[in-house]
PDB file of N, CA and C in Angstrom:
ATOM      1  N   MET A   1     181.334 209.024  69.249  1.00  0.00           N
ATOM      2  CA  MET A   1     182.139 210.207  69.339  1.00  0.00           C
ATOM      3  C   MET A   1     182.935 210.398  68.053  1.00  0.00           C
ATOM      4  N   ASN A   2     183.580 209.344  67.588  1.00  0.00           N
ATOM      5  CA  ASN A   2     184.388 209.451  66.374  1.00  0.00           C
ATOM      6  C   ASN A   2     183.548 209.878  65.183  1.00  0.00           C
ATOM      7  N   SER A   3     182.345 209.325  65.053  1.00  0.00           N
ATOM      8  CA  SER A   3     181.497 209.678  63.918  1.00  0.00           C
ATOM      9  C   SER A   3     181.091 211.143  63.970  1.00  0.00           C
ATOM     10  N   ALA A   4     180.846 211.685  65.153  1.00  0.00           N
ATOM     11  CA  ALA A   4     180.502 213.107  65.292  1.00  0.00           C
ATOM     12  C   ALA A   4     181.691 213.983  64.920  1.00  0.00           C
ATOM     13  N   LEU A   5     182.891 213.586  65.306  1.00  0.00           N
ATOM     14  CA  LEU A   5     184.084 214.356  64.959  1.00  0.00           C
ATOM     15  C   LEU A   5     184.342 214.326  63.459  1.00  0.00           C
ATOM     16  N   LYS A   6     184.134 213.176  62.842  1.00  0.00           N
ATOM     17  CA  LYS A   6     184.357 213.063  61.397  1.00  0.00           C
ATOM     18  C   LYS A   6     183.395 213.949  60.614  1.00  0.00           C
ATOM     19  N   LYS A   7     182.159 214.101  61.109  1.00  0.00           N
ATOM     20  CA  LYS A   7     181.200 214.983  60.452  1.00  0.00           C
ATOM     21  C   LYS A   7     181.682 216.436  60.465  1.00  0.00           C
ATOM     22  N   LYS A   8     182.464 216.792  61.469  1.00  0.00           N
ATOM     23  CA  LYS A   8     183.015 218.144  61.598  1.00  0.00           C
ATOM     24  C   LYS A   8     184.403 218.254  60.971  1.00  0.00           C
ATOM     25  N   ASN A   9     184.849 217.189  60.302  1.00  0.00           N
ATOM     26  CA  ASN A   9     186.184 217.125  59.691  1.00  0.00           C
ATOM     27  C   ASN A   9     187.297 217.326  60.720  1.00  0.00           C
ATOM     28  N   ALA A  10     187.068 216.876  61.932  1.00  0.00           N
ATOM     29  CA  ALA A  10     188.076 216.961  62.989  1.00  0.00           C
ATOM     30  C   ALA A  10     188.853 215.649  63.033  1.00  0.00           C
ATOM     31  N   ASP A  11     190.162 215.737  63.006  1.00  0.00           N
ATOM     32  CA  ASP A  11     191.012 214.551  63.050  1.00  0.00           C
ATOM     33  C   ASP A  11     191.634 214.450  64.441  1.00  0.00           C
ATOM     34  N   VAL A  12     190.827 214.021  65.398  1.00  0.00           N
ATOM     35  CA  VAL A  12     191.240 213.933  66.788  1.00  0.00           C
ATOM     36  C   VAL A  12     191.051 212.489  67.253  1.00  0.00           C
ATOM     37  N   PRO A  13     192.111 211.850  67.743  1.00  0.00           N
ATOM     38  CA  PRO A  13     191.958 210.477  68.236  1.00  0.00           C
ATOM     39  C   PRO A  13     191.062 210.440  69.480  1.00  0.00           C
ATOM     40  N   VAL A  14     190.235 209.427  69.561  1.00  0.00           N
ATOM     41  CA  VAL A  14     189.326 209.254  70.693  1.00  0.00           C
ATOM     42  C   VAL A  14     189.726 207.990  71.445  1.00  0.00           C
ATOM     43  N   MET A  15     189.974 208.148  72.745  1.00  0.00           N
ATOM     44  CA  MET A  15     190.320 207.022  73.611  1.00  0.00           C
ATOM     45  C   MET A  15     189.185 206.803  74.607  1.00  0.00           C
ATOM     46  N   ALA A  16     188.888 205.556  74.885  1.00  0.00           N
ATOM     47  CA  ALA A  16     187.877 205.218  75.892  1.00  0.00           C
ATOM     48  C   ALA A  16     188.560 204.514  77.048  1.00  0.00           C
ATOM     49  N   LYS A  17     188.120 204.826  78.251  1.00  0.00           N
ATOM     50  CA  LYS A  17     188.624 204.133  79.441  1.00  0.00           C
ATOM     51  C   LYS A  17     187.464 203.336  80.021  1.00  0.00           C
ATOM     52  N   ILE A  18     187.612 202.033  80.038  1.00  0.00           N
ATOM     53  CA  ILE A  18     186.570 201.134  80.533  1.00  0.00           C
ATOM     54  C   ILE A  18     186.755 200.966  82.035  1.00  0.00           C
ATOM     55  N   GLU A  19     185.777 201.473  82.797  1.00  0.00           N
ATOM     56  CA  GLU A  19     185.874 201.437  84.255  1.00  0.00           C
ATOM     57  C   GLU A  19     184.691 200.751  84.932  1.00  0.00           C
ATOM     58  N   LYS A  20     183.572 200.657  84.247  1.00  0.00           N
ATOM     59  CA  LYS A  20     182.345 200.180  84.886  1.00  0.00           C
ATOM     60  C   LYS A  20     181.773 198.977  84.140  1.00  0.00           C
ATOM     61  N   PRO A  21     181.012 198.143  84.830  1.00  0.00           N
ATOM     62  CA  PRO A  21     180.399 196.977  84.186  1.00  0.00           C
ATOM     63  C   PRO A  21     179.487 197.356  83.028  1.00  0.00           C
ATOM     64  N   GLN A  22     178.858 198.516  83.084  1.00  0.00           N
ATOM     65  CA  GLN A  22     177.999 198.960  81.998  1.00  0.00           C
ATOM     66  C   GLN A  22     178.803 199.128  80.707  1.00  0.00           C
ATOM     67  N   ALA A  23     180.051 199.530  80.838  1.00  0.00           N
ATOM     68  CA  ALA A  23     180.907 199.689  79.657  1.00  0.00           C
ATOM     69  C   ALA A  23     181.207 198.333  79.028  1.00  0.00           C
ATOM     70  N   ILE A  24     181.396 197.313  79.849  1.00  0.00           N
ATOM     71  CA  ILE A  24     181.631 195.957  79.322  1.00  0.00           C
ATOM     72  C   ILE A  24     180.404 195.501  78.536  1.00  0.00           C
ATOM     73  N   ALA A  25     179.226 195.810  79.054  1.00  0.00           N
ATOM     74  CA  ALA A  25     177.992 195.414  78.381  1.00  0.00           C
ATOM     75  C   ALA A  25     177.849 196.105  77.024  1.00  0.00           C
ATOM     76  N   ASN A  26     178.459 197.282  76.860  1.00  0.00           N
ATOM     77  CA  ASN A  26     178.362 198.054  75.616  1.00  0.00           C
ATOM     78  C   ASN A  26     179.692 198.114  74.876  1.00  0.00           C
ATOM     79  N   LEU A  27     180.544 197.140  75.107  1.00  0.00           N
ATOM     80  CA  LEU A  27     181.909 197.179  74.591  1.00  0.00           C
ATOM     81  C   LEU A  27     181.981 197.274  73.065  1.00  0.00           C
ATOM     82  N   GLU A  28     181.160 196.531  72.353  1.00  0.00           N
ATOM     83  CA  GLU A  28     181.219 196.556  70.887  1.00  0.00           C
ATOM     84  C   GLU A  28     180.925 197.954  70.346  1.00  0.00           C
ATOM     85  N   ALA A  29     179.933 198.623  70.888  1.00  0.00           N
ATOM     86  CA  ALA A  29     179.590 199.978  70.439  1.00  0.00           C
ATOM     87  C   ALA A  29     180.694 200.958  70.787  1.00  0.00           C
ATOM     88  N   ILE A  30     181.312 200.798  71.946  1.00  0.00           N
ATOM     89  CA  ILE A  30     182.400 201.680  72.363  1.00  0.00           C
ATOM     90  C   ILE A  30     183.603 201.500  71.442  1.00  0.00           C
ATOM     91  N   VAL A  31     183.965 200.259  71.159  1.00  0.00           N
ATOM     92  CA  VAL A  31     185.109 199.968  70.286  1.00  0.00           C
ATOM     93  C   VAL A  31     184.871 200.548  68.888  1.00  0.00           C
ATOM     94  N   ALA A  32     183.650 200.471  68.403  1.00  0.00           N
ATOM     95  CA  ALA A  32     183.334 200.983  67.073  1.00  0.00           C
ATOM     96  C   ALA A  32     183.517 202.487  66.963  1.00  0.00           C
ATOM     97  N   GLU A  33     183.405 203.197  68.075  1.00  0.00           N
ATOM     98  CA  GLU A  33     183.479 204.660  68.062  1.00  0.00           C
ATOM     99  C   GLU A  33     184.825 205.218  68.508  1.00  0.00           C
ATOM    100  N   CYS A  34     185.767 204.362  68.870  1.00  0.00           N
ATOM    101  CA  CYS A  34     187.028 204.839  69.442  1.00  0.00           C
ATOM    102  C   CYS A  34     188.234 204.391  68.627  1.00  0.00           C
ATOM    103  N   ASP A  35     189.322 205.119  68.821  1.00  0.00           N
ATOM    104  CA  ASP A  35     190.590 204.760  68.193  1.00  0.00           C
ATOM    105  C   ASP A  35     191.434 203.875  69.100  1.00  0.00           C
ATOM    106  N   GLY A  36     191.139 203.888  70.384  1.00  0.00           N
ATOM    107  CA  GLY A  36     191.892 203.087  71.343  1.00  0.00           C
ATOM    108  C   GLY A  36     191.088 202.881  72.617  1.00  0.00           C
ATOM    109  N   ILE A  37     191.446 201.848  73.351  1.00  0.00           N
ATOM    110  CA  ILE A  37     190.733 201.481  74.579  1.00  0.00           C
ATOM    111  C   ILE A  37     191.747 201.287  75.700  1.00  0.00           C
ATOM    112  N   MET A  38     191.410 201.784  76.878  1.00  0.00           N
ATOM    113  CA  MET A  38     192.171 201.502  78.096  1.00  0.00           C
ATOM    114  C   MET A  38     191.211 200.804  79.060  1.00  0.00           C
ATOM    115  N   VAL A  39     191.706 199.819  79.774  1.00  0.00           N
ATOM    116  CA  VAL A  39     190.871 199.102  80.732  1.00  0.00           C
ATOM    117  C   VAL A  39     191.418 199.328  82.128  1.00  0.00           C
ATOM    118  N   ALA A  40     190.568 199.826  83.016  1.00  0.00           N
ATOM    119  CA  ALA A  40     190.942 200.048  84.407  1.00  0.00           C
ATOM    120  C   ALA A  40     190.663 198.756  85.173  1.00  0.00           C
ATOM    121  N   ARG A  41     191.634 197.856  85.106  1.00  0.00           N
ATOM    122  CA  ARG A  41     191.427 196.534  85.707  1.00  0.00           C
ATOM    123  C   ARG A  41     191.177 196.618  87.203  1.00  0.00           C
ATOM    124  N   GLU A  42     191.838 197.532  87.887  1.00  0.00           N
ATOM    125  CA  GLU A  42     191.644 197.632  89.333  1.00  0.00           C
ATOM    126  C   GLU A  42     190.223 198.066  89.664  1.00  0.00           C
ATOM    127  N   ASP A  43     189.622 198.916  88.825  1.00  0.00           N
ATOM    128  CA  ASP A  43     188.247 199.348  89.057  1.00  0.00           C
ATOM    129  C   ASP A  43     187.266 198.215  88.789  1.00  0.00           C
ATOM    130  N   LEU A  44     187.509 197.451  87.742  1.00  0.00           N
ATOM    131  CA  LEU A  44     186.598 196.372  87.375  1.00  0.00           C
ATOM    132  C   LEU A  44     186.820 195.123  88.230  1.00  0.00           C
ATOM    133  N   GLY A  45     188.010 194.930  88.727  1.00  0.00           N
ATOM    134  CA  GLY A  45     188.326 193.729  89.484  1.00  0.00           C
ATOM    135  C   GLY A  45     187.477 193.533  90.711  1.00  0.00           C
ATOM    136  N   GLY A  46     187.145 194.590  91.403  1.00  0.00           N
ATOM    137  CA  GLY A  46     186.331 194.487  92.608  1.00  0.00           C
ATOM    138  C   GLY A  46     184.860 194.365  92.310  1.00  0.00           C
ATOM    139  N   ILE A  47     184.465 194.653  91.079  1.00  0.00           N
ATOM    140  CA  ILE A  47     183.043 194.659  90.725  1.00  0.00           C
ATOM    141  C   ILE A  47     182.649 193.371  90.022  1.00  0.00           C
ATOM    142  N   ASN A  48     183.448 192.952  89.073  1.00  0.00           N
ATOM    143  CA  ASN A  48     183.126 191.790  88.253  1.00  0.00           C
ATOM    144  C   ASN A  48     183.924 190.582  88.699  1.00  0.00           C
ATOM    145  N   ASP A  49     183.299 189.440  88.637  1.00  0.00           N
ATOM    146  CA  ASP A  49     184.014 188.188  88.888  1.00  0.00           C
ATOM    147  C   ASP A  49     184.386 187.617  87.529  1.00  0.00           C
ATOM    148  N   MET A  50     185.484 188.133  86.967  1.00  0.00           N
ATOM    149  CA  MET A  50     185.901 187.721  85.621  1.00  0.00           C
ATOM    150  C   MET A  50     186.746 186.455  85.692  1.00  0.00           C
ATOM    151  N   GLU A  51     186.479 185.572  84.754  1.00  0.00           N
ATOM    152  CA  GLU A  51     187.270 184.355  84.662  1.00  0.00           C
ATOM    153  C   GLU A  51     188.542 184.632  83.898  1.00  0.00           C
ATOM    154  N   SER A  52     189.616 184.041  84.325  1.00  0.00           N
ATOM    155  CA  SER A  52     190.848 184.136  83.532  1.00  0.00           C
ATOM    156  C   SER A  52     190.924 182.896  82.673  1.00  0.00           C
ATOM    157  N   GLY A  53     191.415 183.086  81.483  1.00  0.00           N
ATOM    158  CA  GLY A  53     191.386 181.919  80.665  1.00  0.00           C
ATOM    159  C   GLY A  53     192.450 181.829  79.694  1.00  0.00           C
TER     160      GLY A  53
END
């Protein structure tokens, strides 16, 4: 998204909200295209068995 906006000379911050396991699988690509990330822990908590560490 950010790269498409830059091609149009648009200076608009892009935020991503991580809600689904598919987003975790593609996290590096999402981070590369965004200015900020929000994580919906309550949405992911019931889906993923994440280890705390």
